[in-house]
Amino acid sequence: MKLLASLLMAAALAAPALSAVAADAAPAPAASKAPVKPDLAKGEATYGTVCVACHAADGNSTIAANPKLAQQHPEYLVKQLQEFKSGKRADPVMQGMAAMLSEDDMRNVSWWLASKAAKDGFAKDKDLVALGERIYRGGLQDRNIAACAGCHSPNGAGVPAQYPRLSGQHADYTVKQLNDFRAGKRGNSAQMTDVASKLNDREIRAVSDYIAGLR
């Protein structure tokens, strides 16, 4: 009996020590990570190395085939860069550029570009302006084509974190994107694929030219 009592007493004394060891051995709960604030200085430096040749020093591309990026919603830019890098959005030039960027690089560049003022563009084809305005502002109801303004806002400013800014964008660039959506070459937006699939060449040119003059 004395032996049993001694063993029970030893076990009772050892239990707290074993609990402490177990607690030390258990992994600590993961601390929630606070979002990293974009570093605009690093963004500017990365942009100057990787992006400036095609998109100009301030993001206001002067080459009609290359998009203006200044004042674009940063969340949209990050998404596009991620999808270029993964191949979800196919473009041999941009895939090569995005491959060089880390997630931090993408965030820094995108927020730096969002801080730059976009320069106004202008429409060039007066014969198509009425059709372009009709499509952008009211859609084509007889063919179930929604108004662009519903997502991209009446002045083309877009909706932060949801729909990109279009105001002042080069018409040539917008034409190519709509053609690529229509042909299935650009497949990273089912919504835009559906819209573009219902537009003919003249309508694409008209709405793209109208967008270039929005402000």
N, C-alpha and C. Protein backbone atom coordinates (compact mmCIF):
# COMPACT_ATOMS: atom_id res chain seq x y z
N MET A 1 0.83 -1.21 0.00
CA MET A 1 0.00 0.00 0.00
C MET A 1 0.86 1.24 0.00
N LYS A 2 1.93 1.20 0.85
CA LYS A 2 2.83 2.37 0.91
C LYS A 2 3.47 2.62 -0.45
N LEU A 3 3.82 1.52 -1.17
CA LEU A 3 4.44 1.66 -2.50
C LEU A 3 3.46 2.29 -3.48
N LEU A 4 2.18 1.85 -3.42
CA LEU A 4 1.15 2.40 -4.34
C LEU A 4 0.94 3.88 -4.06
N ALA A 5 0.90 4.23 -2.74
CA ALA A 5 0.70 5.65 -2.39
C ALA A 5 1.86 6.49 -2.89
N SER A 6 3.08 5.95 -2.79
CA SER A 6 4.25 6.69 -3.26
C SER A 6 4.20 6.91 -4.75
N LEU A 7 3.76 5.89 -5.51
CA LEU A 7 3.69 6.00 -6.97
C LEU A 7 2.64 7.02 -7.39
N LEU A 8 1.48 7.01 -6.69
CA LEU A 8 0.41 7.97 -7.00
C LEU A 8 0.87 9.40 -6.72
N MET A 9 1.59 9.57 -5.62
CA MET A 9 2.10 10.90 -5.27
C MET A 9 3.11 11.38 -6.31
N ALA A 10 3.98 10.51 -6.78
CA ALA A 10 4.98 10.88 -7.78
C ALA A 10 4.31 11.28 -9.09
N ALA A 11 3.25 10.53 -9.44
CA ALA A 11 2.54 10.85 -10.69
C ALA A 11 1.87 12.21 -10.60
N ALA A 12 1.28 12.50 -9.43
CA ALA A 12 0.61 13.79 -9.25
C ALA A 12 1.60 14.94 -9.36
N LEU A 13 2.78 14.76 -8.77
CA LEU A 13 3.80 15.81 -8.82
C LEU A 13 4.34 15.99 -10.24
N ALA A 14 4.39 14.90 -11.00
CA ALA A 14 4.97 14.97 -12.35
C ALA A 14 4.02 15.58 -13.36
N ALA A 15 2.70 15.52 -13.11
CA ALA A 15 1.71 15.96 -14.10
C ALA A 15 1.89 17.40 -14.52
N PRO A 16 2.04 18.36 -13.56
CA PRO A 16 2.23 19.75 -14.01
C PRO A 16 3.46 19.93 -14.86
N ALA A 17 4.53 19.22 -14.50
CA ALA A 17 5.77 19.36 -15.28
C ALA A 17 5.58 18.85 -16.69
N LEU A 18 4.87 17.71 -16.84
CA LEU A 18 4.62 17.15 -18.16
C LEU A 18 3.73 18.08 -18.98
N SER A 19 2.75 18.70 -18.32
CA SER A 19 1.87 19.65 -19.02
C SER A 19 2.65 20.82 -19.55
N ALA A 20 3.60 21.29 -18.74
CA ALA A 20 4.41 22.44 -19.17
C ALA A 20 5.26 22.08 -20.37
N VAL A 21 5.83 20.87 -20.35
CA VAL A 21 6.65 20.42 -21.47
C VAL A 21 5.79 20.32 -22.73
N ALA A 22 4.58 19.75 -22.56
CA ALA A 22 3.69 19.60 -23.72
C ALA A 22 3.31 20.96 -24.30
N ALA A 23 3.08 21.92 -23.38
CA ALA A 23 2.71 23.26 -23.86
C ALA A 23 3.85 23.88 -24.64
N ASP A 24 5.10 23.67 -24.14
CA ASP A 24 6.26 24.22 -24.85
C ASP A 24 6.43 23.57 -26.21
N ALA A 25 6.09 22.28 -26.28
CA ALA A 25 6.30 21.55 -27.53
C ALA A 25 5.23 21.87 -28.57
N ALA A 26 4.04 22.28 -28.12
CA ALA A 26 2.94 22.55 -29.06
C ALA A 26 3.25 23.80 -29.86
N PRO A 27 2.92 23.80 -31.15
CA PRO A 27 3.16 24.99 -31.95
C PRO A 27 2.29 26.16 -31.50
N ALA A 28 2.87 27.33 -31.47
CA ALA A 28 2.13 28.51 -31.07
C ALA A 28 1.12 28.86 -32.15
N PRO A 29 -0.04 29.41 -31.76
CA PRO A 29 -1.02 29.81 -32.78
C PRO A 29 -0.40 30.82 -33.74
N ALA A 30 -0.72 30.67 -35.03
CA ALA A 30 -0.15 31.57 -36.04
C ALA A 30 -0.66 32.98 -35.83
N ALA A 31 0.26 33.93 -35.79
CA ALA A 31 -0.12 35.34 -35.65
C ALA A 31 -0.64 35.85 -36.99
N SER A 32 -1.72 36.61 -36.94
CA SER A 32 -2.28 37.15 -38.18
C SER A 32 -1.35 38.22 -38.73
N LYS A 33 -1.09 38.14 -40.04
CA LYS A 33 -0.17 39.08 -40.68
C LYS A 33 -0.90 40.36 -41.06
N ALA A 34 -0.35 41.47 -40.65
CA ALA A 34 -0.92 42.75 -41.07
C ALA A 34 -0.53 42.98 -42.53
N PRO A 35 -1.43 43.56 -43.33
CA PRO A 35 -1.07 43.82 -44.72
C PRO A 35 0.15 44.73 -44.83
N VAL A 36 1.04 44.39 -45.75
CA VAL A 36 2.26 45.17 -45.93
C VAL A 36 1.93 46.42 -46.71
N LYS A 37 2.33 47.56 -46.19
CA LYS A 37 2.06 48.82 -46.87
C LYS A 37 2.94 48.93 -48.11
N PRO A 38 2.35 49.28 -49.26
CA PRO A 38 3.16 49.41 -50.48
C PRO A 38 4.27 50.45 -50.30
N ASP A 39 5.43 50.14 -50.86
CA ASP A 39 6.58 51.05 -50.82
C ASP A 39 6.64 51.75 -52.18
N LEU A 40 6.20 53.01 -52.22
CA LEU A 40 6.12 53.73 -53.49
C LEU A 40 7.50 54.01 -54.08
N ALA A 41 8.49 54.24 -53.21
CA ALA A 41 9.85 54.49 -53.71
C ALA A 41 10.39 53.25 -54.42
N LYS A 42 10.18 52.09 -53.84
CA LYS A 42 10.61 50.85 -54.49
C LYS A 42 9.79 50.60 -55.75
N GLY A 43 8.50 50.95 -55.70
CA GLY A 43 7.65 50.80 -56.87
C GLY A 43 8.15 51.63 -58.04
N GLU A 44 8.54 52.85 -57.75
CA GLU A 44 9.06 53.74 -58.79
C GLU A 44 10.35 53.18 -59.37
N ALA A 45 11.22 52.66 -58.49
CA ALA A 45 12.50 52.10 -58.95
C ALA A 45 12.28 50.87 -59.83
N THR A 46 11.39 49.99 -59.42
CA THR A 46 11.10 48.79 -60.22
C THR A 46 10.47 49.17 -61.54
N TYR A 47 9.54 50.11 -61.50
CA TYR A 47 8.88 50.56 -62.72
C TYR A 47 9.92 51.12 -63.70
N GLY A 48 10.85 51.90 -63.18
CA GLY A 48 11.88 52.51 -64.02
C GLY A 48 12.79 51.48 -64.67
N THR A 49 12.91 50.32 -64.06
CA THR A 49 13.76 49.26 -64.60
C THR A 49 13.01 48.36 -65.58
N VAL A 50 11.75 48.03 -65.25
CA VAL A 50 11.03 46.99 -65.98
C VAL A 50 9.99 47.54 -66.96
N CYS A 51 9.32 48.64 -66.61
CA CYS A 51 8.09 49.03 -67.32
C CYS A 51 8.21 50.30 -68.17
N VAL A 52 9.15 51.15 -67.84
CA VAL A 52 9.16 52.51 -68.40
C VAL A 52 9.27 52.55 -69.92
N ALA A 53 9.99 51.61 -70.51
CA ALA A 53 10.23 51.66 -71.96
C ALA A 53 8.93 51.58 -72.75
N CYS A 54 7.96 50.86 -72.24
CA CYS A 54 6.69 50.69 -72.97
C CYS A 54 5.58 51.62 -72.48
N HIS A 55 5.62 52.00 -71.21
CA HIS A 55 4.49 52.72 -70.62
C HIS A 55 4.80 54.17 -70.23
N ALA A 56 6.00 54.66 -70.58
CA ALA A 56 6.41 56.05 -70.33
C ALA A 56 6.72 56.30 -68.86
N ALA A 57 7.43 57.38 -68.60
CA ALA A 57 7.98 57.64 -67.27
C ALA A 57 6.92 57.81 -66.20
N ASP A 58 5.75 58.32 -66.58
CA ASP A 58 4.70 58.57 -65.59
C ASP A 58 3.49 57.67 -65.77
N GLY A 59 3.62 56.63 -66.58
CA GLY A 59 2.51 55.71 -66.80
C GLY A 59 1.54 56.14 -67.87
N ASN A 60 1.79 57.30 -68.50
CA ASN A 60 0.93 57.78 -69.58
C ASN A 60 1.57 57.42 -70.92
N SER A 61 1.42 56.18 -71.30
CA SER A 61 2.04 55.68 -72.52
C SER A 61 1.73 56.58 -73.72
N THR A 62 2.75 56.81 -74.53
CA THR A 62 2.57 57.59 -75.76
C THR A 62 2.47 56.68 -76.98
N ILE A 63 2.55 55.37 -76.75
CA ILE A 63 2.45 54.39 -77.83
C ILE A 63 1.04 53.81 -77.80
N ALA A 64 0.29 54.01 -78.89
CA ALA A 64 -1.13 53.66 -78.89
C ALA A 64 -1.42 52.18 -78.62
N ALA A 65 -0.45 51.32 -78.93
CA ALA A 65 -0.65 49.89 -78.71
C ALA A 65 -0.43 49.48 -77.25
N ASN A 66 0.20 50.36 -76.47
CA ASN A 66 0.50 50.07 -75.07
C ASN A 66 -0.42 50.88 -74.16
N PRO A 67 -1.02 50.26 -73.17
CA PRO A 67 -2.01 50.97 -72.36
C PRO A 67 -1.43 52.05 -71.47
N LYS A 68 -2.23 53.08 -71.23
CA LYS A 68 -1.93 54.04 -70.18
C LYS A 68 -2.24 53.35 -68.85
N LEU A 69 -1.32 53.46 -67.90
CA LEU A 69 -1.48 52.81 -66.60
C LEU A 69 -1.63 53.80 -65.45
N ALA A 70 -1.31 55.06 -65.69
CA ALA A 70 -1.40 56.07 -64.63
C ALA A 70 -2.82 56.16 -64.10
N GLN A 71 -2.93 56.24 -62.78
CA GLN A 71 -4.20 56.42 -62.07
C GLN A 71 -5.12 55.21 -62.17
N GLN A 72 -4.59 54.09 -62.64
CA GLN A 72 -5.39 52.87 -62.69
C GLN A 72 -5.55 52.33 -61.28
N HIS A 73 -6.65 51.64 -61.02
CA HIS A 73 -6.87 51.07 -59.69
C HIS A 73 -5.80 50.02 -59.41
N PRO A 74 -5.08 50.16 -58.29
CA PRO A 74 -3.94 49.27 -58.05
C PRO A 74 -4.32 47.80 -57.92
N GLU A 75 -5.49 47.53 -57.35
CA GLU A 75 -5.91 46.13 -57.21
C GLU A 75 -6.07 45.47 -58.58
N TYR A 76 -6.57 46.24 -59.54
CA TYR A 76 -6.73 45.73 -60.90
C TYR A 76 -5.36 45.45 -61.52
N LEU A 77 -4.42 46.36 -61.33
CA LEU A 77 -3.08 46.17 -61.90
C LEU A 77 -2.40 44.95 -61.29
N VAL A 78 -2.51 44.78 -59.98
CA VAL A 78 -1.91 43.61 -59.33
C VAL A 78 -2.50 42.33 -59.92
N LYS A 79 -3.82 42.30 -60.08
CA LYS A 79 -4.48 41.12 -60.64
C LYS A 79 -3.97 40.81 -62.04
N GLN A 80 -3.83 41.83 -62.88
CA GLN A 80 -3.35 41.59 -64.24
C GLN A 80 -1.92 41.07 -64.24
N LEU A 81 -1.06 41.65 -63.41
CA LEU A 81 0.33 41.20 -63.34
C LEU A 81 0.41 39.75 -62.86
N GLN A 82 -0.39 39.41 -61.87
CA GLN A 82 -0.41 38.03 -61.38
C GLN A 82 -0.85 37.07 -62.49
N GLU A 83 -1.84 37.50 -63.27
CA GLU A 83 -2.36 36.62 -64.32
C GLU A 83 -1.45 36.56 -65.54
N PHE A 84 -0.70 37.62 -65.81
CA PHE A 84 0.35 37.53 -66.83
C PHE A 84 1.40 36.51 -66.38
N LYS A 85 1.80 36.61 -65.12
CA LYS A 85 2.86 35.73 -64.60
C LYS A 85 2.42 34.28 -64.62
N SER A 86 1.16 34.02 -64.27
CA SER A 86 0.67 32.64 -64.22
C SER A 86 0.32 32.09 -65.60
N GLY A 87 0.17 32.99 -66.57
CA GLY A 87 -0.23 32.56 -67.91
C GLY A 87 -1.73 32.60 -68.13
N LYS A 88 -2.50 32.98 -67.12
CA LYS A 88 -3.95 33.05 -67.28
C LYS A 88 -4.31 34.13 -68.30
N ARG A 89 -3.54 35.22 -68.32
CA ARG A 89 -3.69 36.23 -69.37
C ARG A 89 -2.46 36.12 -70.26
N ALA A 90 -2.68 35.74 -71.50
CA ALA A 90 -1.56 35.43 -72.39
C ALA A 90 -1.07 36.68 -73.12
N ASP A 91 0.21 36.93 -72.99
CA ASP A 91 0.88 37.99 -73.75
C ASP A 91 2.38 37.74 -73.59
N PRO A 92 3.07 37.39 -74.67
CA PRO A 92 4.47 36.97 -74.53
C PRO A 92 5.37 38.05 -73.92
N VAL A 93 5.12 39.31 -74.26
CA VAL A 93 5.96 40.38 -73.71
C VAL A 93 5.68 40.56 -72.22
N MET A 94 4.40 40.69 -71.87
CA MET A 94 4.05 40.94 -70.47
C MET A 94 4.31 39.72 -69.58
N GLN A 95 4.21 38.54 -70.13
CA GLN A 95 4.55 37.36 -69.33
C GLN A 95 6.02 37.38 -68.94
N GLY A 96 6.86 37.81 -69.86
CA GLY A 96 8.29 37.92 -69.56
C GLY A 96 8.58 38.99 -68.52
N MET A 97 7.87 40.11 -68.63
CA MET A 97 8.07 41.20 -67.67
C MET A 97 7.57 40.79 -66.28
N ALA A 98 6.37 40.22 -66.23
CA ALA A 98 5.78 39.85 -64.94
C ALA A 98 6.57 38.74 -64.25
N ALA A 99 7.22 37.90 -65.04
CA ALA A 99 8.01 36.80 -64.46
C ALA A 99 9.14 37.32 -63.58
N MET A 100 9.57 38.55 -63.83
CA MET A 100 10.67 39.13 -63.06
C MET A 100 10.20 39.77 -61.75
N LEU A 101 8.88 39.85 -61.55
CA LEU A 101 8.34 40.60 -60.41
C LEU A 101 7.87 39.67 -59.30
N SER A 102 8.21 40.03 -58.07
CA SER A 102 7.66 39.34 -56.91
C SER A 102 6.30 39.95 -56.58
N GLU A 103 5.60 39.34 -55.63
CA GLU A 103 4.31 39.89 -55.20
C GLU A 103 4.50 41.30 -54.64
N ASP A 104 5.56 41.51 -53.88
CA ASP A 104 5.84 42.85 -53.34
C ASP A 104 6.11 43.84 -54.46
N ASP A 105 6.87 43.42 -55.47
CA ASP A 105 7.15 44.29 -56.62
C ASP A 105 5.84 44.71 -57.29
N MET A 106 4.96 43.74 -57.52
CA MET A 106 3.69 44.02 -58.18
C MET A 106 2.88 45.04 -57.39
N ARG A 107 2.82 44.82 -56.10
CA ARG A 107 2.05 45.74 -55.25
C ARG A 107 2.68 47.14 -55.24
N ASN A 108 3.98 47.20 -55.10
CA ASN A 108 4.66 48.51 -55.05
C ASN A 108 4.48 49.28 -56.36
N VAL A 109 4.67 48.60 -57.49
CA VAL A 109 4.53 49.25 -58.80
C VAL A 109 3.09 49.72 -59.02
N SER A 110 2.15 48.86 -58.66
CA SER A 110 0.73 49.17 -58.91
C SER A 110 0.27 50.37 -58.10
N TRP A 111 0.69 50.43 -56.85
CA TRP A 111 0.27 51.58 -56.03
C TRP A 111 1.01 52.85 -56.45
N TRP A 112 2.25 52.70 -56.94
CA TRP A 112 2.94 53.89 -57.45
C TRP A 112 2.23 54.42 -58.69
N LEU A 113 1.85 53.56 -59.60
CA LEU A 113 1.13 53.98 -60.79
C LEU A 113 -0.20 54.64 -60.44
N ALA A 114 -0.88 54.09 -59.44
CA ALA A 114 -2.17 54.67 -59.03
C ALA A 114 -2.00 56.10 -58.52
N SER A 115 -0.81 56.42 -58.04
CA SER A 115 -0.57 57.77 -57.50
C SER A 115 -0.25 58.80 -58.60
N LYS A 116 -0.06 58.35 -59.83
CA LYS A 116 0.28 59.25 -60.94
C LYS A 116 -1.00 59.71 -61.65
N ALA A 117 -1.05 60.97 -62.02
CA ALA A 117 -2.24 61.53 -62.68
C ALA A 117 -2.31 61.07 -64.13
N ALA A 118 -3.49 60.62 -64.54
CA ALA A 118 -3.69 60.22 -65.93
C ALA A 118 -3.90 61.45 -66.81
N LYS A 119 -3.35 61.41 -67.99
CA LYS A 119 -3.53 62.51 -68.94
C LYS A 119 -4.76 62.21 -69.81
N ASP A 120 -5.48 63.27 -70.14
CA ASP A 120 -6.68 63.11 -70.98
C ASP A 120 -6.33 62.61 -72.37
N GLY A 121 -7.23 61.83 -72.94
CA GLY A 121 -7.12 61.43 -74.33
C GLY A 121 -8.20 62.12 -75.14
N PHE A 122 -8.41 61.70 -76.35
CA PHE A 122 -9.45 62.31 -77.16
C PHE A 122 -9.91 61.34 -78.25
N ALA A 123 -11.19 61.48 -78.61
CA ALA A 123 -11.75 60.67 -79.70
C ALA A 123 -11.31 61.27 -81.03
N LYS A 124 -11.18 60.42 -82.05
CA LYS A 124 -10.69 60.88 -83.35
C LYS A 124 -11.70 60.74 -84.48
N ASP A 125 -12.64 59.81 -84.33
CA ASP A 125 -13.54 59.49 -85.44
C ASP A 125 -14.92 60.09 -85.20
N LYS A 126 -15.19 61.26 -85.75
CA LYS A 126 -16.46 61.94 -85.51
C LYS A 126 -17.65 61.17 -86.08
N ASP A 127 -17.39 60.33 -87.08
CA ASP A 127 -18.48 59.55 -87.69
C ASP A 127 -18.97 58.42 -86.79
N LEU A 128 -18.16 58.06 -85.81
CA LEU A 128 -18.53 56.94 -84.95
C LEU A 128 -18.90 57.37 -83.53
N VAL A 129 -18.74 58.66 -83.22
CA VAL A 129 -18.89 59.10 -81.83
C VAL A 129 -20.29 58.84 -81.29
N ALA A 130 -21.34 59.04 -82.10
CA ALA A 130 -22.71 58.83 -81.62
C ALA A 130 -22.95 57.36 -81.29
N LEU A 131 -22.46 56.47 -82.15
CA LEU A 131 -22.61 55.04 -81.89
C LEU A 131 -21.82 54.64 -80.65
N GLY A 132 -20.60 55.15 -80.53
CA GLY A 132 -19.78 54.84 -79.36
C GLY A 132 -20.43 55.29 -78.07
N GLU A 133 -21.00 56.48 -78.09
CA GLU A 133 -21.69 57.00 -76.89
C GLU A 133 -22.90 56.14 -76.55
N ARG A 134 -23.64 55.75 -77.57
CA ARG A 134 -24.83 54.92 -77.36
C ARG A 134 -24.46 53.60 -76.68
N ILE A 135 -23.41 52.95 -77.19
CA ILE A 135 -22.99 51.66 -76.61
C ILE A 135 -22.49 51.86 -75.18
N TYR A 136 -21.65 52.87 -74.98
CA TYR A 136 -21.04 53.06 -73.67
C TYR A 136 -22.08 53.43 -72.62
N ARG A 137 -22.98 54.32 -72.96
CA ARG A 137 -23.91 54.84 -71.96
C ARG A 137 -25.21 54.04 -71.84
N GLY A 138 -25.66 53.45 -72.93
CA GLY A 138 -26.95 52.76 -72.88
C GLY A 138 -26.92 51.31 -73.29
N GLY A 139 -25.82 50.86 -73.86
CA GLY A 139 -25.76 49.50 -74.36
C GLY A 139 -26.61 49.33 -75.62
N LEU A 140 -26.77 48.12 -76.06
CA LEU A 140 -27.62 47.80 -77.20
C LEU A 140 -28.65 46.79 -76.72
N GLN A 141 -29.77 47.32 -76.26
CA GLN A 141 -30.75 46.49 -75.56
C GLN A 141 -31.34 45.40 -76.46
N ASP A 142 -31.47 45.69 -77.75
CA ASP A 142 -32.07 44.70 -78.65
C ASP A 142 -31.21 43.45 -78.80
N ARG A 143 -29.89 43.57 -78.42
CA ARG A 143 -28.98 42.43 -78.50
C ARG A 143 -28.41 42.05 -77.14
N ASN A 144 -29.05 42.53 -76.11
CA ASN A 144 -28.64 42.20 -74.73
C ASN A 144 -27.18 42.56 -74.44
N ILE A 145 -26.76 43.72 -74.98
CA ILE A 145 -25.41 44.22 -74.70
C ILE A 145 -25.53 45.31 -73.64
N ALA A 146 -24.95 45.06 -72.47
CA ALA A 146 -25.06 46.00 -71.35
C ALA A 146 -24.24 47.25 -71.60
N ALA A 147 -24.67 48.35 -71.01
CA ALA A 147 -23.93 49.60 -71.10
C ALA A 147 -22.59 49.48 -70.36
N CYS A 148 -21.54 49.95 -70.99
CA CYS A 148 -20.20 49.93 -70.36
C CYS A 148 -20.20 50.74 -69.07
N ALA A 149 -20.98 51.84 -69.07
CA ALA A 149 -21.02 52.74 -67.92
C ALA A 149 -21.51 52.05 -66.66
N GLY A 150 -22.27 50.96 -66.82
CA GLY A 150 -22.78 50.26 -65.66
C GLY A 150 -21.69 49.73 -64.76
N CYS A 151 -20.57 49.32 -65.34
CA CYS A 151 -19.44 48.81 -64.56
C CYS A 151 -18.28 49.81 -64.47
N HIS A 152 -18.07 50.56 -65.54
CA HIS A 152 -16.88 51.42 -65.61
C HIS A 152 -17.17 52.88 -65.29
N SER A 153 -18.43 53.16 -64.89
CA SER A 153 -18.92 54.48 -64.48
C SER A 153 -19.10 55.41 -65.68
N PRO A 154 -20.00 56.39 -65.57
CA PRO A 154 -20.31 57.26 -66.71
C PRO A 154 -19.11 58.01 -67.28
N ASN A 155 -18.14 58.37 -66.43
CA ASN A 155 -16.98 59.11 -66.93
C ASN A 155 -15.75 58.22 -67.14
N GLY A 156 -15.94 56.90 -67.04
CA GLY A 156 -14.84 55.98 -67.30
C GLY A 156 -13.87 55.79 -66.15
N ALA A 157 -14.25 56.29 -64.96
CA ALA A 157 -13.34 56.19 -63.81
C ALA A 157 -13.27 54.80 -63.22
N GLY A 158 -14.22 53.93 -63.59
CA GLY A 158 -14.21 52.58 -63.05
C GLY A 158 -14.64 52.54 -61.59
N VAL A 159 -14.52 51.35 -61.00
CA VAL A 159 -14.87 51.16 -59.59
C VAL A 159 -13.67 50.51 -58.92
N PRO A 160 -13.07 51.17 -57.92
CA PRO A 160 -11.87 50.62 -57.27
C PRO A 160 -12.06 49.17 -56.82
N ALA A 161 -11.04 48.37 -57.09
CA ALA A 161 -10.95 46.96 -56.71
C ALA A 161 -11.94 46.07 -57.47
N GLN A 162 -12.75 46.65 -58.38
CA GLN A 162 -13.70 45.82 -59.12
C GLN A 162 -13.55 45.97 -60.63
N TYR A 163 -13.67 47.19 -61.13
CA TYR A 163 -13.65 47.41 -62.58
C TYR A 163 -12.63 48.49 -62.93
N PRO A 164 -11.83 48.26 -63.97
CA PRO A 164 -10.73 49.19 -64.27
C PRO A 164 -11.18 50.54 -64.81
N ARG A 165 -10.33 51.50 -64.60
CA ARG A 165 -10.49 52.82 -65.20
C ARG A 165 -10.27 52.69 -66.71
N LEU A 166 -11.16 53.30 -67.51
CA LEU A 166 -11.02 53.30 -68.97
C LEU A 166 -10.79 54.69 -69.54
N SER A 167 -11.16 55.71 -68.80
CA SER A 167 -11.12 57.08 -69.29
C SER A 167 -9.79 57.44 -69.92
N GLY A 168 -9.83 57.92 -71.19
CA GLY A 168 -8.63 58.40 -71.87
C GLY A 168 -7.73 57.31 -72.42
N GLN A 169 -8.15 56.05 -72.31
CA GLN A 169 -7.29 54.95 -72.79
C GLN A 169 -7.15 55.00 -74.31
N HIS A 170 -5.98 54.63 -74.80
CA HIS A 170 -5.75 54.61 -76.25
C HIS A 170 -6.79 53.73 -76.94
N ALA A 171 -7.41 54.25 -77.98
CA ALA A 171 -8.43 53.48 -78.70
C ALA A 171 -7.84 52.22 -79.31
N ASP A 172 -6.63 52.30 -79.86
CA ASP A 172 -6.00 51.12 -80.48
C ASP A 172 -5.86 49.98 -79.48
N TYR A 173 -5.47 50.32 -78.26
CA TYR A 173 -5.32 49.30 -77.23
C TYR A 173 -6.67 48.69 -76.87
N THR A 174 -7.69 49.52 -76.69
CA THR A 174 -9.01 49.01 -76.33
C THR A 174 -9.59 48.13 -77.44
N VAL A 175 -9.39 48.54 -78.69
CA VAL A 175 -9.84 47.72 -79.83
C VAL A 175 -9.22 46.34 -79.75
N LYS A 176 -7.92 46.28 -79.51
CA LYS A 176 -7.23 44.98 -79.46
C LYS A 176 -7.77 44.11 -78.32
N GLN A 177 -8.00 44.72 -77.16
CA GLN A 177 -8.49 43.93 -76.03
C GLN A 177 -9.89 43.38 -76.30
N LEU A 178 -10.76 44.20 -76.87
CA LEU A 178 -12.10 43.73 -77.19
C LEU A 178 -12.06 42.63 -78.26
N ASN A 179 -11.20 42.80 -79.24
CA ASN A 179 -11.04 41.75 -80.26
C ASN A 179 -10.51 40.46 -79.65
N ASP A 180 -9.56 40.60 -78.72
CA ASP A 180 -8.99 39.42 -78.07
C ASP A 180 -10.03 38.72 -77.19
N PHE A 181 -10.85 39.50 -76.47
CA PHE A 181 -11.93 38.90 -75.69
C PHE A 181 -12.89 38.16 -76.62
N ARG A 182 -13.25 38.80 -77.72
CA ARG A 182 -14.22 38.20 -78.65
C ARG A 182 -13.68 36.91 -79.27
N ALA A 183 -12.39 36.90 -79.56
CA ALA A 183 -11.79 35.73 -80.20
C ALA A 183 -11.36 34.65 -79.21
N GLY A 184 -11.47 34.93 -77.92
CA GLY A 184 -11.03 33.97 -76.91
C GLY A 184 -9.55 33.98 -76.64
N LYS A 185 -8.83 34.97 -77.20
CA LYS A 185 -7.39 35.06 -76.96
C LYS A 185 -7.09 35.61 -75.56
N ARG A 186 -7.99 36.43 -75.07
CA ARG A 186 -7.86 36.92 -73.70
C ARG A 186 -8.99 36.30 -72.90
N GLY A 187 -8.64 35.46 -71.96
CA GLY A 187 -9.67 34.69 -71.27
C GLY A 187 -9.75 34.93 -69.78
N ASN A 188 -9.34 36.12 -69.30
CA ASN A 188 -9.34 36.32 -67.85
C ASN A 188 -10.52 37.16 -67.36
N SER A 189 -11.59 37.25 -68.18
CA SER A 189 -12.82 37.92 -67.73
C SER A 189 -13.99 37.37 -68.53
N ALA A 190 -14.74 36.48 -67.91
CA ALA A 190 -15.91 35.90 -68.60
C ALA A 190 -16.93 36.97 -68.95
N GLN A 191 -17.05 37.97 -68.09
CA GLN A 191 -17.99 39.05 -68.32
C GLN A 191 -17.65 39.81 -69.60
N MET A 192 -16.37 40.14 -69.78
CA MET A 192 -15.96 40.90 -70.96
C MET A 192 -15.98 40.02 -72.21
N THR A 193 -15.71 38.75 -72.07
CA THR A 193 -15.83 37.84 -73.21
C THR A 193 -17.25 37.81 -73.73
N ASP A 194 -18.20 37.79 -72.80
CA ASP A 194 -19.62 37.77 -73.19
C ASP A 194 -20.01 39.06 -73.91
N VAL A 195 -19.58 40.20 -73.38
CA VAL A 195 -19.92 41.50 -74.00
C VAL A 195 -19.30 41.59 -75.40
N ALA A 196 -17.99 41.31 -75.48
CA ALA A 196 -17.28 41.47 -76.75
C ALA A 196 -17.79 40.52 -77.82
N SER A 197 -18.28 39.36 -77.42
CA SER A 197 -18.75 38.37 -78.39
C SER A 197 -19.97 38.87 -79.18
N LYS A 198 -20.64 39.88 -78.64
CA LYS A 198 -21.86 40.40 -79.28
C LYS A 198 -21.61 41.67 -80.10
N LEU A 199 -20.37 42.17 -80.09
CA LEU A 199 -20.05 43.41 -80.80
C LEU A 199 -19.42 43.10 -82.15
N ASN A 200 -19.79 43.87 -83.17
CA ASN A 200 -19.11 43.72 -84.46
C ASN A 200 -17.93 44.69 -84.54
N ASP A 201 -17.17 44.62 -85.61
CA ASP A 201 -15.94 45.41 -85.73
C ASP A 201 -16.23 46.91 -85.62
N ARG A 202 -17.27 47.38 -86.29
CA ARG A 202 -17.60 48.81 -86.27
C ARG A 202 -17.97 49.27 -84.86
N GLU A 203 -18.71 48.46 -84.16
CA GLU A 203 -19.11 48.81 -82.79
C GLU A 203 -17.91 48.83 -81.84
N ILE A 204 -17.00 47.90 -82.04
CA ILE A 204 -15.78 47.89 -81.22
C ILE A 204 -14.97 49.15 -81.47
N ARG A 205 -14.80 49.52 -82.72
CA ARG A 205 -14.05 50.75 -83.02
C ARG A 205 -14.75 51.97 -82.44
N ALA A 206 -16.08 52.01 -82.54
CA ALA A 206 -16.84 53.16 -82.07
C ALA A 206 -16.73 53.34 -80.56
N VAL A 207 -16.94 52.28 -79.81
CA VAL A 207 -16.91 52.43 -78.35
C VAL A 207 -15.48 52.66 -77.86
N SER A 208 -14.49 52.09 -78.53
CA SER A 208 -13.09 52.30 -78.15
C SER A 208 -12.68 53.75 -78.37
N ASP A 209 -13.12 54.33 -79.50
CA ASP A 209 -12.80 55.73 -79.78
C ASP A 209 -13.50 56.65 -78.79
N TYR A 210 -14.74 56.32 -78.45
CA TYR A 210 -15.48 57.14 -77.48
C TYR A 210 -14.80 57.11 -76.12
N ILE A 211 -14.36 55.94 -75.69
CA ILE A 211 -13.67 55.79 -74.40
C ILE A 211 -12.42 56.66 -74.34
N ALA A 212 -11.71 56.76 -75.47
CA ALA A 212 -10.47 57.55 -75.51
C ALA A 212 -10.73 59.01 -75.14
N GLY A 213 -11.93 59.51 -75.43
CA GLY A 213 -12.25 60.91 -75.14
C GLY A 213 -12.95 61.14 -73.82
N LEU A 214 -13.23 60.07 -73.06
CA LEU A 214 -13.92 60.24 -71.78
C LEU A 214 -13.02 60.94 -70.78
N ARG A 215 -13.65 61.76 -69.94
CA ARG A 215 -12.90 62.42 -68.87
C ARG A 215 -13.84 62.85 -67.76
